[in-house]
Amino acid sequence: MKARARNLIALVGAPLFWGAIVLLAGVPYFVGSRFLIYLGTLIAIEAALATSLNLIVGYAGQFALAHAAFFGFGAYAASILVATYGVNFWLATLIALALAAVIAALIGYPALRYTGGIHFALLTFAFGELARLLAANWNDMTGGPMGLRVGFSLPPLAGIDLSSTRAMYGVALSIFVISLVAVAVLIRSRFGRALVAIREDETLAAFLGINVLGHKLLAFISSAVLAALAGTFYAPFMSFISPELLNAQEVIALIGILIVGGVGTLPGPVIGTLIFFGLPEFFHVARLYRLVSLGVVIVLVVLFMPKGIAGEARARFRVKR
């Protein structure tokens, strides 16, 4: 009975989830509002970033606090390579992702090998602050605290013009879907099952023959690359980047998004982003009040839905079945 229930949830829940994604994706096109297209692009990029963090936090159980740094690194690296060195944007994106993977490996290996838990969180937080200070003080390369103006748009891809706002929305949505599919494939693979085993009990996972360090490191690198991927496309969309992208508040907001939506669930980052990021932007709520509203929502969710909205919905659906 339990196996049949799980299969039924997978058969019914997956089409409903992906159908909702397709429906939400088409809203800005059907409405035709420039503001909704702009807002949809921001939501797609933010949801992609939250999805990347969900891989390491939700499924690997490692509390990483450097995703804003990798997001900002992707934006800065691609912009500098294109604007300063004349590199093609698509090649610059690949270079930025490769560099993000190398940096994540250099940071993650010693942090995960010799530390863990709260110490890993503190080390990744320190790296994020170091990256922010570097971006704020390297005036010649990053523009310093005044930021860097991005003077280019997305080049054509396979003959398709990507310079319009509608095209940018389509690209941002594609980045989000790529991140979501990548995480979905990973967590349903043998690698993903090993990550969940590590999250639940590292000692038992190691006893069963799972390479704990290798799996955690690969999850951290994968999530960092996905975060950098979202950053590379954020830069040409906004036409301006600054050290504020790497701010610790951005990491706190991402953690809040996961808590509200549901840590360790595929719909969680989407739901959390729509509630925390989409609704305040739609109603023009200031940034300060957005953080305040996030705090209130987190308190309510922790008290009444400790598994998050998606996690609670999944648990109740399983109980009914």
C-alpha atoms as a PDB file:
ATOM      1  CA  MET A   1       0.000   0.000   0.000  1.00  0.00           C
ATOM      2  CA  LYS A   2       2.791   2.424   0.846  1.00  0.00           C
ATOM      3  CA  ALA A   3       4.540   1.739  -2.471  1.00  0.00           C
ATOM      4  CA  ARG A   4       1.286   2.283  -4.374  1.00  0.00           C
ATOM      5  CA  ALA A   5       0.675   5.533  -2.522  1.00  0.00           C
ATOM      6  CA  ARG A   6       4.153   6.789  -3.374  1.00  0.00           C
ATOM      7  CA  ASN A   7       3.658   5.871  -7.030  1.00  0.00           C
ATOM      8  CA  LEU A   8       0.284   7.616  -7.098  1.00  0.00           C
ATOM      9  CA  ILE A   9       1.773  10.760  -5.579  1.00  0.00           C
ATOM     10  CA  ALA A  10       4.561  10.715  -8.154  1.00  0.00           C
ATOM     11  CA  LEU A  11       2.119  10.209 -11.047  1.00  0.00           C
ATOM     12  CA  VAL A  12      -0.357  12.857  -9.925  1.00  0.00           C
ATOM     13  CA  GLY A  13       1.896  15.354  -8.168  1.00  0.00           C
ATOM     14  CA  ALA A  14       4.568  15.665 -10.845  1.00  0.00           C
ATOM     15  CA  PRO A  15       2.200  16.603 -13.728  1.00  0.00           C
ATOM     16  CA  LEU A  16       0.360  19.056 -11.490  1.00  0.00           C
ATOM     17  CA  PHE A  17       3.625  20.693 -10.439  1.00  0.00           C
ATOM     18  CA  TRP A  18       5.070  20.957 -13.947  1.00  0.00           C
ATOM     19  CA  GLY A  19       1.678  22.048 -15.294  1.00  0.00           C
ATOM     20  CA  ALA A  20       1.609  24.879 -12.736  1.00  0.00           C
ATOM     21  CA  ILE A  21       5.108  25.911 -13.850  1.00  0.00           C
ATOM     22  CA  VAL A  22       3.973  26.077 -17.477  1.00  0.00           C
ATOM     23  CA  LEU A  23       0.852  28.043 -16.508  1.00  0.00           C
ATOM     24  CA  LEU A  24       2.823  30.580 -14.478  1.00  0.00           C
ATOM     25  CA  ALA A  25       5.372  30.847 -17.263  1.00  0.00           C
ATOM     26  CA  GLY A  26       2.723  31.900 -19.750  1.00  0.00           C
ATOM     27  CA  VAL A  27       1.070  34.579 -17.604  1.00  0.00           C
ATOM     28  CA  PRO A  28       3.341  37.504 -18.617  1.00  0.00           C
ATOM     29  CA  TYR A  29       2.954  36.582 -22.290  1.00  0.00           C
ATOM     30  CA  PHE A  30      -0.820  36.377 -22.142  1.00  0.00           C
ATOM     31  CA  VAL A  31      -1.211  39.566 -20.134  1.00  0.00           C
ATOM     32  CA  GLY A  32       1.325  41.511 -22.208  1.00  0.00           C
ATOM     33  CA  SER A  33       2.299  43.880 -19.396  1.00  0.00           C
ATOM     34  CA  ARG A  34       5.923  45.066 -19.494  1.00  0.00           C
ATOM     35  CA  PHE A  35       5.951  45.221 -15.705  1.00  0.00           C
ATOM     36  CA  LEU A  36       4.745  41.621 -15.386  1.00  0.00           C
ATOM     37  CA  ILE A  37       7.383  40.468 -17.868  1.00  0.00           C
ATOM     38  CA  TYR A  38      10.046  42.324 -15.883  1.00  0.00           C
ATOM     39  CA  LEU A  39       8.726  40.891 -12.600  1.00  0.00           C
ATOM     40  CA  GLY A  40       8.492  37.395 -14.071  1.00  0.00           C
ATOM     41  CA  THR A  41      12.122  37.574 -15.170  1.00  0.00           C
ATOM     42  CA  LEU A  42      13.264  38.553 -11.669  1.00  0.00           C
ATOM     43  CA  ILE A  43      11.149  35.813 -10.084  1.00  0.00           C
ATOM     44  CA  ALA A  44      12.551  33.188 -12.476  1.00  0.00           C
ATOM     45  CA  ILE A  45      16.147  34.179 -11.687  1.00  0.00           C
ATOM     46  CA  GLU A  46      15.476  34.288  -7.939  1.00  0.00           C
ATOM     47  CA  ALA A  47      13.703  30.912  -8.048  1.00  0.00           C
ATOM     48  CA  ALA A  48      16.671  29.416  -9.934  1.00  0.00           C
ATOM     49  CA  LEU A  49      19.004  30.728  -7.228  1.00  0.00           C
ATOM     50  CA  ALA A  50      16.792  29.356  -4.436  1.00  0.00           C
ATOM     51  CA  THR A  51      16.624  25.995  -6.229  1.00  0.00           C
ATOM     52  CA  SER A  52      20.416  25.816  -6.361  1.00  0.00           C
ATOM     53  CA  LEU A  53      20.630  26.487  -2.622  1.00  0.00           C
ATOM     54  CA  ASN A  54      17.966  23.863  -1.955  1.00  0.00           C
ATOM     55  CA  LEU A  55      20.282  21.198  -3.382  1.00  0.00           C
ATOM     56  CA  ILE A  56      22.987  21.689  -0.757  1.00  0.00           C
ATOM     57  CA  VAL A  57      20.766  22.734   2.165  1.00  0.00           C
ATOM     58  CA  GLY A  58      17.611  20.719   1.585  1.00  0.00           C
ATOM     59  CA  TYR A  59      18.981  17.462   0.210  1.00  0.00           C
ATOM     60  CA  ALA A  60      22.610  17.341   1.379  1.00  0.00           C
ATOM     61  CA  GLY A  61      21.817  18.863   4.779  1.00  0.00           C
ATOM     62  CA  GLN A  62      24.781  21.271   4.663  1.00  0.00           C
ATOM     63  CA  PHE A  63      24.036  24.813   5.811  1.00  0.00           C
ATOM     64  CA  ALA A  64      25.921  26.839   3.167  1.00  0.00           C
ATOM     65  CA  LEU A  65      25.892  30.646   3.319  1.00  0.00           C
ATOM     66  CA  ALA A  66      27.904  31.561   0.223  1.00  0.00           C
ATOM     67  CA  HIS A  67      25.328  31.357  -2.549  1.00  0.00           C
ATOM     68  CA  ALA A  68      24.948  35.108  -2.873  1.00  0.00           C
ATOM     69  CA  ALA A  69      28.717  35.243  -3.441  1.00  0.00           C
ATOM     70  CA  PHE A  70      28.556  32.650  -6.241  1.00  0.00           C
ATOM     71  CA  PHE A  71      25.552  34.434  -7.750  1.00  0.00           C
ATOM     72  CA  GLY A  72      27.434  37.737  -7.707  1.00  0.00           C
ATOM     73  CA  PHE A  73      30.605  36.061  -8.969  1.00  0.00           C
ATOM     74  CA  GLY A  74      28.735  34.757 -12.014  1.00  0.00           C
ATOM     75  CA  ALA A  75      27.369  38.222 -12.743  1.00  0.00           C
ATOM     76  CA  TYR A  76      30.722  39.975 -12.312  1.00  0.00           C
ATOM     77  CA  ALA A  77      32.806  37.337 -14.127  1.00  0.00           C
ATOM     78  CA  ALA A  78      30.615  37.223 -17.231  1.00  0.00           C
ATOM     79  CA  SER A  79      30.270  41.018 -17.370  1.00  0.00           C
ATOM     80  CA  ILE A  80      33.997  41.684 -16.987  1.00  0.00           C
ATOM     81  CA  LEU A  81      34.948  39.052 -19.554  1.00  0.00           C
ATOM     82  CA  VAL A  82      32.527  40.507 -22.111  1.00  0.00           C
ATOM     83  CA  ALA A  83      33.007  44.232 -21.440  1.00  0.00           C
ATOM     84  CA  THR A  84      36.733  44.339 -20.658  1.00  0.00           C
ATOM     85  CA  TYR A  85      38.215  41.452 -22.630  1.00  0.00           C
ATOM     86  CA  GLY A  86      35.732  41.203 -25.493  1.00  0.00           C
ATOM     87  CA  VAL A  87      34.850  37.556 -24.897  1.00  0.00           C
ATOM     88  CA  ASN A  88      31.632  36.253 -26.439  1.00  0.00           C
ATOM     89  CA  PHE A  89      28.897  36.119 -23.803  1.00  0.00           C
ATOM     90  CA  TRP A  90      28.189  32.395 -24.194  1.00  0.00           C
ATOM     91  CA  LEU A  91      31.873  31.548 -23.882  1.00  0.00           C
ATOM     92  CA  ALA A  92      32.157  33.967 -20.933  1.00  0.00           C
ATOM     93  CA  THR A  93      29.280  32.111 -19.248  1.00  0.00           C
ATOM     94  CA  LEU A  94      31.075  28.781 -19.588  1.00  0.00           C
ATOM     95  CA  ILE A  95      34.290  30.293 -18.212  1.00  0.00           C
ATOM     96  CA  ALA A  96      32.411  31.823 -15.272  1.00  0.00           C
ATOM     97  CA  LEU A  97      30.761  28.479 -14.453  1.00  0.00           C
ATOM     98  CA  ALA A  98      34.101  26.661 -14.632  1.00  0.00           C
ATOM     99  CA  LEU A  99      35.725  29.228 -12.330  1.00  0.00           C
ATOM    100  CA  ALA A 100      32.799  28.973  -9.904  1.00  0.00           C
ATOM    101  CA  ALA A 101      33.259  25.187  -9.803  1.00  0.00           C
ATOM    102  CA  VAL A 102      36.994  25.555  -9.092  1.00  0.00           C
ATOM    103  CA  ILE A 103      36.400  28.124  -6.332  1.00  0.00           C
ATOM    104  CA  ALA A 104      33.677  25.967  -4.772  1.00  0.00           C
ATOM    105  CA  ALA A 105      36.034  22.971  -4.797  1.00  0.00           C
ATOM    106  CA  LEU A 106      38.871  24.971  -3.223  1.00  0.00           C
ATOM    107  CA  ILE A 107      36.572  26.243  -0.471  1.00  0.00           C
ATOM    108  CA  GLY A 108      34.412  23.176  -0.019  1.00  0.00           C
ATOM    109  CA  TYR A 109      37.094  20.501   0.227  1.00  0.00           C
ATOM    110  CA  PRO A 110      38.911  21.765   3.339  1.00  0.00           C
ATOM    111  CA  ALA A 111      35.697  23.101   4.867  1.00  0.00           C
ATOM    112  CA  LEU A 112      33.866  19.788   4.504  1.00  0.00           C
ATOM    113  CA  ARG A 113      36.856  17.571   5.252  1.00  0.00           C
ATOM    114  CA  TYR A 114      38.061  19.214   8.452  1.00  0.00           C
ATOM    115  CA  THR A 115      34.901  20.900   9.665  1.00  0.00           C
ATOM    116  CA  GLY A 116      31.162  20.441   9.396  1.00  0.00           C
ATOM    117  CA  GLY A 117      27.842  21.660  10.656  1.00  0.00           C
ATOM    118  CA  ILE A 118      27.974  25.164  12.078  1.00  0.00           C
ATOM    119  CA  HIS A 119      31.673  25.497  11.232  1.00  0.00           C
ATOM    120  CA  PHE A 120      30.939  24.873   7.532  1.00  0.00           C
ATOM    121  CA  ALA A 121      28.222  27.517   7.688  1.00  0.00           C
ATOM    122  CA  LEU A 122      30.604  30.026   9.281  1.00  0.00           C
ATOM    123  CA  LEU A 123      33.352  29.334   6.742  1.00  0.00           C
ATOM    124  CA  THR A 124      31.022  29.785   3.778  1.00  0.00           C
ATOM    125  CA  PHE A 125      29.620  32.945   5.377  1.00  0.00           C
ATOM    126  CA  ALA A 126      33.157  34.289   5.785  1.00  0.00           C
ATOM    127  CA  PHE A 127      33.893  33.543   2.127  1.00  0.00           C
ATOM    128  CA  GLY A 128      30.760  35.421   1.117  1.00  0.00           C
ATOM    129  CA  GLU A 129      31.764  38.474   3.122  1.00  0.00           C
ATOM    130  CA  LEU A 130      35.296  38.310   1.722  1.00  0.00           C
ATOM    131  CA  ALA A 131      33.905  38.213  -1.817  1.00  0.00           C
ATOM    132  CA  ARG A 132      31.657  41.186  -1.085  1.00  0.00           C
ATOM    133  CA  LEU A 133      34.564  43.222   0.320  1.00  0.00           C
ATOM    134  CA  LEU A 134      36.679  42.316  -2.712  1.00  0.00           C
ATOM    135  CA  ALA A 135      33.933  43.470  -5.082  1.00  0.00           C
ATOM    136  CA  ALA A 136      33.471  46.687  -3.100  1.00  0.00           C
ATOM    137  CA  ASN A 137      37.172  47.600  -3.031  1.00  0.00           C
ATOM    138  CA  TRP A 138      38.548  46.405  -6.376  1.00  0.00           C
ATOM    139  CA  ASN A 139      37.650  49.655  -8.115  1.00  0.00           C
ATOM    140  CA  ASP A 140      39.574  49.072 -11.340  1.00  0.00           C
ATOM    141  CA  MET A 141      37.911  45.750 -12.082  1.00  0.00           C
ATOM    142  CA  THR A 142      34.492  45.783 -10.390  1.00  0.00           C
ATOM    143  CA  GLY A 143      33.757  49.493 -10.163  1.00  0.00           C
ATOM    144  CA  GLY A 144      33.962  49.427  -6.378  1.00  0.00           C
ATOM    145  CA  PRO A 145      30.977  50.377  -4.245  1.00  0.00           C
ATOM    146  CA  MET A 146      29.475  52.354  -7.155  1.00  0.00           C
ATOM    147  CA  GLY A 147      28.964  49.129  -9.055  1.00  0.00           C
ATOM    148  CA  LEU A 148      29.534  48.150 -12.662  1.00  0.00           C
ATOM    149  CA  ARG A 149      27.332  49.196 -15.553  1.00  0.00           C
ATOM    150  CA  VAL A 150      26.705  46.339 -17.960  1.00  0.00           C
ATOM    151  CA  GLY A 151      26.690  47.805 -21.445  1.00  0.00           C
ATOM    152  CA  PHE A 152      25.644  44.761 -23.438  1.00  0.00           C
ATOM    153  CA  SER A 153      22.578  42.612 -24.046  1.00  0.00           C
ATOM    154  CA  LEU A 154      22.300  38.920 -24.777  1.00  0.00           C
ATOM    155  CA  PRO A 155      23.723  38.057 -28.218  1.00  0.00           C
ATOM    156  CA  PRO A 156      21.625  35.986 -30.662  1.00  0.00           C
ATOM    157  CA  LEU A 157      21.564  32.242 -30.127  1.00  0.00           C
ATOM    158  CA  ALA A 158      20.929  29.955 -33.116  1.00  0.00           C
ATOM    159  CA  GLY A 159      19.660  32.971 -35.048  1.00  0.00           C
ATOM    160  CA  ILE A 160      17.146  33.938 -32.331  1.00  0.00           C
ATOM    161  CA  ASP A 161      17.178  37.553 -31.141  1.00  0.00           C
ATOM    162  CA  LEU A 162      17.413  37.661 -27.335  1.00  0.00           C
ATOM    163  CA  SER A 163      17.655  41.415 -26.808  1.00  0.00           C
ATOM    164  CA  SER A 164      13.955  42.086 -26.148  1.00  0.00           C
ATOM    165  CA  THR A 165      12.344  41.935 -22.710  1.00  0.00           C
ATOM    166  CA  ARG A 166      10.128  39.011 -23.749  1.00  0.00           C
ATOM    167  CA  ALA A 167      13.163  37.091 -24.962  1.00  0.00           C
ATOM    168  CA  MET A 168      14.985  37.820 -21.694  1.00  0.00           C
ATOM    169  CA  TYR A 169      12.006  36.466 -19.787  1.00  0.00           C
ATOM    170  CA  GLY A 170      12.142  33.305 -21.871  1.00  0.00           C
ATOM    171  CA  VAL A 171      15.875  32.947 -21.188  1.00  0.00           C
ATOM    172  CA  ALA A 172      15.425  33.492 -17.436  1.00  0.00           C
ATOM    173  CA  LEU A 173      12.609  30.953 -17.391  1.00  0.00           C
ATOM    174  CA  SER A 174      14.840  28.495 -19.254  1.00  0.00           C
ATOM    175  CA  ILE A 175      17.579  28.972 -16.650  1.00  0.00           C
ATOM    176  CA  PHE A 176      15.073  28.266 -13.891  1.00  0.00           C
ATOM    177  CA  VAL A 177      13.765  25.128 -15.640  1.00  0.00           C
ATOM    178  CA  ILE A 178      17.338  23.908 -16.259  1.00  0.00           C
ATOM    179  CA  SER A 179      18.132  24.347 -12.546  1.00  0.00           C
ATOM    180  CA  LEU A 180      14.908  22.647 -11.499  1.00  0.00           C
ATOM    181  CA  VAL A 181      15.370  19.706 -13.862  1.00  0.00           C
ATOM    182  CA  ALA A 182      19.027  19.324 -12.863  1.00  0.00           C
ATOM    183  CA  VAL A 183      18.109  19.135  -9.165  1.00  0.00           C
ATOM    184  CA  ALA A 184      15.162  16.805  -9.884  1.00  0.00           C
ATOM    185  CA  VAL A 185      17.388  14.417 -11.850  1.00  0.00           C
ATOM    186  CA  LEU A 186      20.105  14.497  -9.196  1.00  0.00           C
ATOM    187  CA  ILE A 187      17.840  13.782  -6.239  1.00  0.00           C
ATOM    188  CA  ARG A 188      16.129  10.882  -8.029  1.00  0.00           C
ATOM    189  CA  SER A 189      19.442   9.272  -8.911  1.00  0.00           C
ATOM    190  CA  ARG A 190      21.671   7.059  -6.804  1.00  0.00           C
ATOM    191  CA  PHE A 191      23.693  10.156  -5.993  1.00  0.00           C
ATOM    192  CA  GLY A 192      20.591  11.909  -4.662  1.00  0.00           C
ATOM    193  CA  ARG A 193      19.590   8.959  -2.499  1.00  0.00           C
ATOM    194  CA  ALA A 194      23.097   8.939  -1.057  1.00  0.00           C
ATOM    195  CA  LEU A 195      22.772  12.665  -0.268  1.00  0.00           C
ATOM    196  CA  VAL A 196      19.532  12.077   1.618  1.00  0.00           C
ATOM    197  CA  ALA A 197      21.188   9.218   3.543  1.00  0.00           C
ATOM    198  CA  ILE A 198      24.055  11.548   4.474  1.00  0.00           C
ATOM    199  CA  ARG A 199      21.605  14.223   5.548  1.00  0.00           C
ATOM    200  CA  GLU A 200      19.781  11.810   7.829  1.00  0.00           C
ATOM    201  CA  ASP A 201      22.830  10.102   9.373  1.00  0.00           C
ATOM    202  CA  GLU A 202      26.406  10.618   8.173  1.00  0.00           C
ATOM    203  CA  THR A 203      27.822   7.841  10.363  1.00  0.00           C
ATOM    204  CA  LEU A 204      25.369   5.261   9.075  1.00  0.00           C
ATOM    205  CA  ALA A 205      25.891   6.451   5.478  1.00  0.00           C
ATOM    206  CA  ALA A 206      29.658   6.015   5.813  1.00  0.00           C
ATOM    207  CA  PHE A 207      29.122   2.571   7.360  1.00  0.00           C
ATOM    208  CA  LEU A 208      27.055   1.605   4.294  1.00  0.00           C
ATOM    209  CA  GLY A 209      29.987   2.491   2.030  1.00  0.00           C
ATOM    210  CA  ILE A 210      28.902   5.946   0.850  1.00  0.00           C
ATOM    211  CA  ASN A 211      31.721   8.411   0.176  1.00  0.00           C
ATOM    212  CA  VAL A 212      30.398  11.144   2.472  1.00  0.00           C
ATOM    213  CA  LEU A 213      33.002  13.796   1.669  1.00  0.00           C
ATOM    214  CA  GLY A 214      32.830  13.194  -2.076  1.00  0.00           C
ATOM    215  CA  HIS A 215      29.039  13.417  -2.215  1.00  0.00           C
ATOM    216  CA  LYS A 216      28.838  16.551  -0.074  1.00  0.00           C
ATOM    217  CA  LEU A 217      31.600  18.248  -2.074  1.00  0.00           C
ATOM    218  CA  LEU A 218      29.986  17.408  -5.418  1.00  0.00           C
ATOM    219  CA  ALA A 219      26.635  18.708  -4.151  1.00  0.00           C
ATOM    220  CA  PHE A 220      28.275  21.957  -3.026  1.00  0.00           C
ATOM    221  CA  ILE A 221      30.048  22.401  -6.378  1.00  0.00           C
ATOM    222  CA  SER A 222      26.864  21.650  -8.338  1.00  0.00           C
ATOM    223  CA  SER A 223      24.810  24.132  -6.325  1.00  0.00           C
ATOM    224  CA  ALA A 224      27.531  26.805  -6.696  1.00  0.00           C
ATOM    225  CA  VAL A 225      27.598  26.337 -10.480  1.00  0.00           C
ATOM    226  CA  LEU A 226      23.801  26.661 -10.690  1.00  0.00           C
ATOM    227  CA  ALA A 227      23.950  29.836  -8.578  1.00  0.00           C
ATOM    228  CA  ALA A 228      26.645  31.308 -10.856  1.00  0.00           C
ATOM    229  CA  LEU A 229      24.542  30.394 -13.895  1.00  0.00           C
ATOM    230  CA  ALA A 230      21.659  32.485 -12.557  1.00  0.00           C
ATOM    231  CA  GLY A 231      24.074  35.364 -11.918  1.00  0.00           C
ATOM    232  CA  THR A 232      25.501  35.403 -15.437  1.00  0.00           C
ATOM    233  CA  PHE A 233      22.062  36.113 -16.905  1.00  0.00           C
ATOM    234  CA  TYR A 234      21.090  38.555 -14.163  1.00  0.00           C
ATOM    235  CA  ALA A 235      23.802  40.991 -15.282  1.00  0.00           C
ATOM    236  CA  PRO A 236      22.626  41.702 -18.877  1.00  0.00           C
ATOM    237  CA  PHE A 237      19.010  41.783 -17.720  1.00  0.00           C
ATOM    238  CA  MET A 238      19.518  44.429 -15.028  1.00  0.00           C
ATOM    239  CA  SER A 239      22.302  46.277 -16.953  1.00  0.00           C
ATOM    240  CA  PHE A 240      23.899  47.079 -13.581  1.00  0.00           C
ATOM    241  CA  ILE A 241      25.541  45.037 -10.849  1.00  0.00           C
ATOM    242  CA  SER A 242      26.964  46.086  -7.479  1.00  0.00           C
ATOM    243  CA  PRO A 243      28.494  44.506  -4.343  1.00  0.00           C
ATOM    244  CA  GLU A 244      24.987  44.496  -2.840  1.00  0.00           C
ATOM    245  CA  LEU A 245      24.385  41.289  -4.798  1.00  0.00           C
ATOM    246  CA  LEU A 246      26.813  39.571  -2.444  1.00  0.00           C
ATOM    247  CA  ASN A 247      25.253  40.988   0.709  1.00  0.00           C
ATOM    248  CA  ALA A 248      24.564  38.659   3.636  1.00  0.00           C
ATOM    249  CA  GLN A 249      20.937  39.801   3.589  1.00  0.00           C
ATOM    250  CA  GLU A 250      20.512  38.061   0.241  1.00  0.00           C
ATOM    251  CA  VAL A 251      21.614  34.756   1.801  1.00  0.00           C
ATOM    252  CA  ILE A 252      19.221  35.243   4.719  1.00  0.00           C
ATOM    253  CA  ALA A 253      16.419  35.949   2.250  1.00  0.00           C
ATOM    254  CA  LEU A 254      17.210  32.743   0.342  1.00  0.00           C
ATOM    255  CA  ILE A 255      17.141  30.683   3.554  1.00  0.00           C
ATOM    256  CA  GLY A 256      13.817  32.304   4.397  1.00  0.00           C
ATOM    257  CA  ILE A 257      12.439  31.438   0.964  1.00  0.00           C
ATOM    258  CA  LEU A 258      13.328  27.778   1.507  1.00  0.00           C
ATOM    259  CA  ILE A 259      11.838  27.715   5.005  1.00  0.00           C
ATOM    260  CA  VAL A 260       8.576  29.235   3.802  1.00  0.00           C
ATOM    261  CA  GLY A 261       8.284  27.117   0.662  1.00  0.00           C
ATOM    262  CA  GLY A 262       9.605  23.874   2.104  1.00  0.00           C
ATOM    263  CA  VAL A 263      13.230  22.775   2.515  1.00  0.00           C
ATOM    264  CA  GLY A 264      14.099  19.623   0.587  1.00  0.00           C
ATOM    265  CA  THR A 265      11.115  19.797  -1.789  1.00  0.00           C
ATOM    266  CA  LEU A 266      11.095  20.705  -5.488  1.00  0.00           C
ATOM    267  CA  PRO A 267       8.122  23.113  -5.322  1.00  0.00           C
ATOM    268  CA  GLY A 268       9.467  24.760  -2.148  1.00  0.00           C
ATOM    269  CA  PRO A 269      11.822  27.305  -3.770  1.00  0.00           C
ATOM    270  CA  VAL A 270       9.136  28.248  -6.303  1.00  0.00           C
ATOM    271  CA  ILE A 271       6.426  28.753  -3.683  1.00  0.00           C
ATOM    272  CA  GLY A 272       8.767  30.640  -1.356  1.00  0.00           C
ATOM    273  CA  THR A 273       9.962  32.933  -4.146  1.00  0.00           C
ATOM    274  CA  LEU A 274       6.424  33.746  -5.267  1.00  0.00           C
ATOM    275  CA  ILE A 275       5.331  34.551  -1.703  1.00  0.00           C
ATOM    276  CA  PHE A 276       8.393  36.445  -0.509  1.00  0.00           C
ATOM    277  CA  PHE A 277       9.662  37.993  -3.722  1.00  0.00           C
ATOM    278  CA  GLY A 278       6.771  38.066  -6.178  1.00  0.00           C
ATOM    279  CA  LEU A 279       3.947  39.437  -4.038  1.00  0.00           C
ATOM    280  CA  PRO A 280       5.915  42.320  -2.423  1.00  0.00           C
ATOM    281  CA  GLU A 281       7.286  43.363  -5.818  1.00  0.00           C
ATOM    282  CA  PHE A 282       3.834  43.183  -7.366  1.00  0.00           C
ATOM    283  CA  PHE A 283       2.396  45.419  -4.646  1.00  0.00           C
ATOM    284  CA  HIS A 284       5.497  47.686  -4.674  1.00  0.00           C
ATOM    285  CA  VAL A 285       6.492  46.967  -1.086  1.00  0.00           C
ATOM    286  CA  ALA A 286       9.837  48.522  -0.166  1.00  0.00           C
ATOM    287  CA  ARG A 287      12.872  46.317   0.424  1.00  0.00           C
ATOM    288  CA  LEU A 288      12.877  46.994   4.171  1.00  0.00           C
ATOM    289  CA  TYR A 289       9.262  45.913   4.561  1.00  0.00           C
ATOM    290  CA  ARG A 290       9.922  42.863   2.411  1.00  0.00           C
ATOM    291  CA  LEU A 291      12.431  41.594   4.979  1.00  0.00           C
ATOM    292  CA  VAL A 292      10.053  42.420   7.803  1.00  0.00           C
ATOM    293  CA  SER A 293       7.230  40.566   6.074  1.00  0.00           C
ATOM    294  CA  LEU A 294       9.562  37.602   5.512  1.00  0.00           C
ATOM    295  CA  GLY A 295      10.289  37.478   9.241  1.00  0.00           C
ATOM    296  CA  VAL A 296       6.600  37.471  10.085  1.00  0.00           C
ATOM    297  CA  VAL A 297       5.845  34.772   7.510  1.00  0.00           C
ATOM    298  CA  ILE A 298       8.746  32.604   8.736  1.00  0.00           C
ATOM    299  CA  VAL A 299       7.481  32.788  12.331  1.00  0.00           C
ATOM    300  CA  LEU A 300       3.973  31.787  11.230  1.00  0.00           C
ATOM    301  CA  VAL A 301       5.259  28.963   9.030  1.00  0.00           C
ATOM    302  CA  VAL A 302       7.549  27.580  11.755  1.00  0.00           C
ATOM    303  CA  LEU A 303       4.680  27.643  14.264  1.00  0.00           C
ATOM    304  CA  PHE A 304       1.919  26.185  12.091  1.00  0.00           C
ATOM    305  CA  MET A 305       3.719  24.529   9.126  1.00  0.00           C
ATOM    306  CA  PRO A 306       7.203  23.489  10.299  1.00  0.00           C
ATOM    307  CA  LYS A 307       7.839  21.555   7.075  1.00  0.00           C
ATOM    308  CA  GLY A 308       7.083  24.577   4.913  1.00  0.00           C
ATOM    309  CA  ILE A 309       4.087  25.012   2.634  1.00  0.00           C
ATOM    310  CA  ALA A 310       5.135  22.362   0.095  1.00  0.00           C
ATOM    311  CA  GLY A 311       6.352  19.956   2.773  1.00  0.00           C
ATOM    312  CA  GLU A 312       3.153  20.268   4.784  1.00  0.00           C
ATOM    313  CA  ALA A 313       0.988  19.829   1.698  1.00  0.00           C
ATOM    314  CA  ARG A 314       2.921  16.710   0.697  1.00  0.00           C
ATOM    315  CA  ALA A 315       2.646  15.237   4.195  1.00  0.00           C
ATOM    316  CA  ARG A 316      -1.115  15.826   4.397  1.00  0.00           C
ATOM    317  CA  PHE A 317      -1.655  14.401   0.909  1.00  0.00           C
ATOM    318  CA  ARG A 318       0.228  11.239   1.879  1.00  0.00           C
ATOM    319  CA  VAL A 319      -1.797  10.896   5.081  1.00  0.00           C
ATOM    320  CA  LYS A 320      -5.067  11.142   3.153  1.00  0.00           C
ATOM    321  CA  ARG A 321      -3.891   8.551   0.643  1.00  0.00           C
END
